[in-house]
């Protein structure tokens, strides 16, 4: 947003000119350290999803595909699968490195960030159709999303 966000405003409401809540202020990118610059806010739709999950379950659970991605090196749209977690949801569904994800459910995937955003909006255990391009052909895989495994701490010196 280009709305001024001052130090201490994080967590405050971002409203439009009619007074509707459209987001929650989170940060500002400013060269001078003041309120000028680019402001960042969490969209109200995401705030509502998180609030509902917290009220329903006491925590937020996000879907997990178990892949590492990179931009499609072949010049097209989609998220190129660089690696697949052994035994993870994608591997169990038959998704392999080199596949290019072009659709997840009803969402078109133009770049890796689209895949991440679409996946975390879903919940663990939810089934979703994932369309990949492989060897010039499209294939649709039925994936049961998992729960992201906990991060493992790296011993000092191995980072």
C-alpha atoms as a PDB file:
ATOM      1  CA  UNK A   1       0.000   0.000   0.000  1.00  0.00           C
ATOM      2  CA  UNK A   2       1.041   3.595  -0.365  1.00  0.00           C
ATOM      3  CA  UNK A   3      -0.761   4.490   2.865  1.00  0.00           C
ATOM      4  CA  UNK A   4       1.557   6.008   5.457  1.00  0.00           C
ATOM      5  CA  UNK A   5       2.549   3.463   8.086  1.00  0.00           C
ATOM      6  CA  UNK A   6       4.405   4.940  11.029  1.00  0.00           C
ATOM      7  CA  UNK A   7       6.554   3.045  13.517  1.00  0.00           C
ATOM      8  CA  UNK A   8       4.167   1.437  15.993  1.00  0.00           C
ATOM      9  CA  UNK A   9       1.323   1.082  13.467  1.00  0.00           C
ATOM     10  CA  UNK A  10       1.973  -2.613  12.851  1.00  0.00           C
ATOM     11  CA  UNK A  11      -1.131  -4.556  13.779  1.00  0.00           C
ATOM     12  CA  UNK A  12      -3.349  -1.570  13.082  1.00  0.00           C
ATOM     13  CA  UNK A  13      -6.245  -1.449  10.651  1.00  0.00           C
ATOM     14  CA  UNK A  14      -5.774  -0.572   7.000  1.00  0.00           C
ATOM     15  CA  UNK A  15      -9.091   0.851   5.807  1.00  0.00           C
ATOM     16  CA  UNK A  16     -10.330   2.121   2.459  1.00  0.00           C
ATOM     17  CA  UNK A  17     -11.969   5.491   1.814  1.00  0.00           C
ATOM     18  CA  UNK A  18     -15.397   4.123   2.802  1.00  0.00           C
ATOM     19  CA  UNK A  19     -14.128   2.879   6.173  1.00  0.00           C
ATOM     20  CA  UNK A  20     -14.055  -0.827   5.284  1.00  0.00           C
ATOM     21  CA  UNK A  21     -11.261  -2.939   6.761  1.00  0.00           C
ATOM     22  CA  UNK A  22      -9.064  -4.200   3.924  1.00  0.00           C
ATOM     23  CA  UNK A  23      -5.990  -5.346   5.825  1.00  0.00           C
ATOM     24  CA  UNK A  24      -3.791  -5.292   8.900  1.00  0.00           C
ATOM     25  CA  UNK A  25      -0.623  -3.180   8.708  1.00  0.00           C
ATOM     26  CA  UNK A  26       2.574  -5.168   9.147  1.00  0.00           C
ATOM     27  CA  UNK A  27       5.635  -3.234   7.966  1.00  0.00           C
ATOM     28  CA  UNK A  28       7.057  -0.426   5.855  1.00  0.00           C
ATOM     29  CA  UNK A  29       9.979  -0.358   3.466  1.00  0.00           C
ATOM     30  CA  UNK A  30      11.450   3.099   3.820  1.00  0.00           C
ATOM     31  CA  UNK A  31      14.820   4.475   2.815  1.00  0.00           C
ATOM     32  CA  UNK A  32      14.638   7.247   5.413  1.00  0.00           C
ATOM     33  CA  UNK A  33      13.111   5.286   8.274  1.00  0.00           C
ATOM     34  CA  UNK A  34       9.925   7.373   8.339  1.00  0.00           C
ATOM     35  CA  UNK A  35       6.397   6.778   7.102  1.00  0.00           C
ATOM     36  CA  UNK A  36       7.279   7.404   3.438  1.00  0.00           C
ATOM     37  CA  UNK A  37       7.838   4.357   1.296  1.00  0.00           C
ATOM     38  CA  UNK A  38       5.954   1.156   0.578  1.00  0.00           C
ATOM     39  CA  UNK A  39       3.681  -0.235   3.287  1.00  0.00           C
ATOM     40  CA  UNK A  40       2.795  -3.886   3.656  1.00  0.00           C
ATOM     41  CA  UNK A  41      -0.415  -5.290   5.072  1.00  0.00           C
ATOM     42  CA  UNK A  42      -1.991  -8.703   5.501  1.00  0.00           C
ATOM     43  CA  UNK A  43      -5.170  -8.868   3.365  1.00  0.00           C
ATOM     44  CA  UNK A  44      -8.385  -9.030   5.372  1.00  0.00           C
ATOM     45  CA  UNK A  45      -9.342 -12.303   3.632  1.00  0.00           C
ATOM     46  CA  UNK A  46      -6.252 -13.962   5.137  1.00  0.00           C
ATOM     47  CA  UNK A  47      -6.960 -12.402   8.538  1.00  0.00           C
ATOM     48  CA  UNK A  48     -10.480 -13.892   8.412  1.00  0.00           C
ATOM     49  CA  UNK A  49      -9.167 -17.349   7.476  1.00  0.00           C
ATOM     50  CA  UNK A  50      -6.611 -17.327  10.289  1.00  0.00           C
ATOM     51  CA  UNK A  51      -9.164 -16.023  12.822  1.00  0.00           C
ATOM     52  CA  UNK A  52     -11.659 -18.720  11.889  1.00  0.00           C
ATOM     53  CA  UNK A  53      -8.997 -21.452  12.136  1.00  0.00           C
ATOM     54  CA  UNK A  54      -7.872 -20.193  15.543  1.00  0.00           C
ATOM     55  CA  UNK A  55     -11.455 -20.088  16.823  1.00  0.00           C
ATOM     56  CA  UNK A  56     -12.216 -23.543  15.404  1.00  0.00           C
ATOM     57  CA  UNK A  57      -8.979 -25.404  16.242  1.00  0.00           C
ATOM     58  CA  UNK A  58      -6.909 -23.197  18.516  1.00  0.00           C
ATOM     59  CA  UNK A  59      -4.164 -23.121  15.866  1.00  0.00           C
ATOM     60  CA  UNK A  60      -3.640 -22.655  12.153  1.00  0.00           C
ATOM     61  CA  UNK A  61      -2.933 -25.737  10.054  1.00  0.00           C
ATOM     62  CA  UNK A  62      -1.831 -25.175   6.486  1.00  0.00           C
ATOM     63  CA  UNK A  63      -1.682 -27.649   3.639  1.00  0.00           C
ATOM     64  CA  UNK A  64       1.701 -29.063   2.669  1.00  0.00           C
ATOM     65  CA  UNK A  65       2.689 -30.474  -0.703  1.00  0.00           C
ATOM     66  CA  UNK A  66       6.278 -31.478   0.102  1.00  0.00           C
ATOM     67  CA  UNK A  67       8.081 -29.906  -2.859  1.00  0.00           C
ATOM     68  CA  UNK A  68      10.781 -27.353  -3.579  1.00  0.00           C
ATOM     69  CA  UNK A  69      10.099 -25.201  -6.616  1.00  0.00           C
ATOM     70  CA  UNK A  70      11.770 -22.718  -8.892  1.00  0.00           C
ATOM     71  CA  UNK A  71      10.618 -20.625 -11.850  1.00  0.00           C
ATOM     72  CA  UNK A  72       9.883 -22.609 -14.992  1.00  0.00           C
ATOM     73  CA  UNK A  73      13.218 -22.653 -16.811  1.00  0.00           C
ATOM     74  CA  UNK A  74      11.495 -23.664 -20.029  1.00  0.00           C
ATOM     75  CA  UNK A  75      10.139 -20.130 -20.416  1.00  0.00           C
ATOM     76  CA  UNK A  76       6.534 -20.983 -19.687  1.00  0.00           C
ATOM     77  CA  UNK A  77       4.155 -20.498 -16.851  1.00  0.00           C
ATOM     78  CA  UNK A  78       4.041 -22.717 -13.805  1.00  0.00           C
ATOM     79  CA  UNK A  79       6.206 -23.850 -10.912  1.00  0.00           C
ATOM     80  CA  UNK A  80       9.050 -26.194 -11.827  1.00  0.00           C
ATOM     81  CA  UNK A  81       9.464 -28.966  -9.250  1.00  0.00           C
ATOM     82  CA  UNK A  82      13.134 -28.951  -8.236  1.00  0.00           C
ATOM     83  CA  UNK A  83      12.869 -31.539  -5.438  1.00  0.00           C
ATOM     84  CA  UNK A  84      10.231 -33.754  -3.832  1.00  0.00           C
ATOM     85  CA  UNK A  85      10.197 -34.748  -0.157  1.00  0.00           C
ATOM     86  CA  UNK A  86      10.680 -38.483   0.186  1.00  0.00           C
ATOM     87  CA  UNK A  87       7.393 -40.030   1.343  1.00  0.00           C
ATOM     88  CA  UNK A  88       5.623 -36.662   1.188  1.00  0.00           C
ATOM     89  CA  UNK A  89       2.231 -35.863  -0.335  1.00  0.00           C
ATOM     90  CA  UNK A  90       3.579 -34.991  -3.798  1.00  0.00           C
ATOM     91  CA  UNK A  91       5.743 -38.119  -4.049  1.00  0.00           C
ATOM     92  CA  UNK A  92       2.851 -40.352  -2.942  1.00  0.00           C
ATOM     93  CA  UNK A  93       0.745 -38.836  -5.751  1.00  0.00           C
ATOM     94  CA  UNK A  94       3.446 -39.441  -8.369  1.00  0.00           C
ATOM     95  CA  UNK A  95       4.769 -35.893  -8.779  1.00  0.00           C
ATOM     96  CA  UNK A  96       8.471 -35.919  -9.656  1.00  0.00           C
ATOM     97  CA  UNK A  97      11.317 -33.418 -10.080  1.00  0.00           C
ATOM     98  CA  UNK A  98      11.089 -31.836 -13.526  1.00  0.00           C
ATOM     99  CA  UNK A  99       7.286 -31.686 -13.486  1.00  0.00           C
ATOM    100  CA  UNK A 100       5.828 -28.209 -13.912  1.00  0.00           C
ATOM    101  CA  UNK A 101       2.749 -27.506 -11.798  1.00  0.00           C
ATOM    102  CA  UNK A 102       0.303 -25.424 -13.831  1.00  0.00           C
ATOM    103  CA  UNK A 103      -2.859 -25.812 -11.739  1.00  0.00           C
ATOM    104  CA  UNK A 104      -3.757 -26.636  -8.130  1.00  0.00           C
ATOM    105  CA  UNK A 105      -7.468 -27.242  -7.693  1.00  0.00           C
ATOM    106  CA  UNK A 106      -9.235 -24.401  -9.480  1.00  0.00           C
ATOM    107  CA  UNK A 107      -6.225 -22.060  -9.296  1.00  0.00           C
ATOM    108  CA  UNK A 108      -3.903 -21.477 -12.226  1.00  0.00           C
ATOM    109  CA  UNK A 109      -0.235 -21.539 -11.246  1.00  0.00           C
ATOM    110  CA  UNK A 110       1.864 -19.001 -13.153  1.00  0.00           C
ATOM    111  CA  UNK A 111       4.902 -18.978 -10.843  1.00  0.00           C
ATOM    112  CA  UNK A 112       6.197 -20.707  -7.686  1.00  0.00           C
ATOM    113  CA  UNK A 113       4.648 -18.148  -5.315  1.00  0.00           C
ATOM    114  CA  UNK A 114       1.201 -18.970  -6.749  1.00  0.00           C
ATOM    115  CA  UNK A 115       1.684 -22.616  -5.785  1.00  0.00           C
ATOM    116  CA  UNK A 116       2.725 -21.682  -2.253  1.00  0.00           C
ATOM    117  CA  UNK A 117      -0.217 -19.314  -1.806  1.00  0.00           C
ATOM    118  CA  UNK A 118      -2.744 -21.822  -3.158  1.00  0.00           C
ATOM    119  CA  UNK A 119      -1.377 -24.676  -1.035  1.00  0.00           C
ATOM    120  CA  UNK A 120      -1.366 -22.852   2.305  1.00  0.00           C
ATOM    121  CA  UNK A 121      -4.996 -21.812   1.830  1.00  0.00           C
ATOM    122  CA  UNK A 122      -5.943 -25.488   2.060  1.00  0.00           C
ATOM    123  CA  UNK A 123      -5.843 -27.728   5.121  1.00  0.00           C
ATOM    124  CA  UNK A 124      -3.925 -30.926   5.845  1.00  0.00           C
ATOM    125  CA  UNK A 125      -5.909 -33.990   4.767  1.00  0.00           C
ATOM    126  CA  UNK A 126      -7.713 -32.098   2.028  1.00  0.00           C
ATOM    127  CA  UNK A 127      -7.576 -33.720  -1.410  1.00  0.00           C
ATOM    128  CA  UNK A 128      -6.747 -31.523  -4.377  1.00  0.00           C
ATOM    129  CA  UNK A 129      -6.181 -32.064  -8.088  1.00  0.00           C
ATOM    130  CA  UNK A 130      -2.702 -30.972  -9.181  1.00  0.00           C
ATOM    131  CA  UNK A 131      -2.124 -30.587 -12.911  1.00  0.00           C
ATOM    132  CA  UNK A 132       1.462 -30.946 -14.082  1.00  0.00           C
ATOM    133  CA  UNK A 133       3.187 -30.763 -17.433  1.00  0.00           C
ATOM    134  CA  UNK A 134       5.488 -33.703 -17.996  1.00  0.00           C
ATOM    135  CA  UNK A 135       7.238 -34.494 -21.266  1.00  0.00           C
ATOM    136  CA  UNK A 136       4.994 -32.080 -23.162  1.00  0.00           C
ATOM    137  CA  UNK A 137       1.747 -33.557 -21.825  1.00  0.00           C
ATOM    138  CA  UNK A 138      -0.583 -32.510 -19.021  1.00  0.00           C
ATOM    139  CA  UNK A 139      -1.380 -34.976 -16.256  1.00  0.00           C
ATOM    140  CA  UNK A 140      -3.619 -34.477 -13.245  1.00  0.00           C
ATOM    141  CA  UNK A 141      -2.633 -36.037  -9.937  1.00  0.00           C
ATOM    142  CA  UNK A 142      -4.901 -36.435  -6.913  1.00  0.00           C
ATOM    143  CA  UNK A 143      -2.932 -35.244  -3.872  1.00  0.00           C
ATOM    144  CA  UNK A 144      -3.884 -35.545  -0.218  1.00  0.00           C
ATOM    145  CA  UNK A 145      -2.158 -32.591   1.407  1.00  0.00           C
ATOM    146  CA  UNK A 146      -0.099 -33.241   4.496  1.00  0.00           C
ATOM    147  CA  UNK A 147       0.922 -31.260   7.555  1.00  0.00           C
ATOM    148  CA  UNK A 148       4.207 -29.401   7.353  1.00  0.00           C
ATOM    149  CA  UNK A 149       6.802 -31.274   9.422  1.00  0.00           C
ATOM    150  CA  UNK A 150       8.428 -29.277  12.223  1.00  0.00           C
ATOM    151  CA  UNK A 151      11.601 -27.434  11.350  1.00  0.00           C
ATOM    152  CA  UNK A 152      14.709 -29.262  12.534  1.00  0.00           C
ATOM    153  CA  UNK A 153      17.384 -27.267  14.280  1.00  0.00           C
ATOM    154  CA  UNK A 154      20.771 -27.327  12.627  1.00  0.00           C
ATOM    155  CA  UNK A 155      23.771 -27.854  14.909  1.00  0.00           C
ATOM    156  CA  UNK A 156      25.975 -24.758  15.164  1.00  0.00           C
ATOM    157  CA  UNK A 157      28.422 -24.593  12.286  1.00  0.00           C
ATOM    158  CA  UNK A 158      26.197 -26.540   9.867  1.00  0.00           C
ATOM    159  CA  UNK A 159      24.130 -23.635   8.612  1.00  0.00           C
END
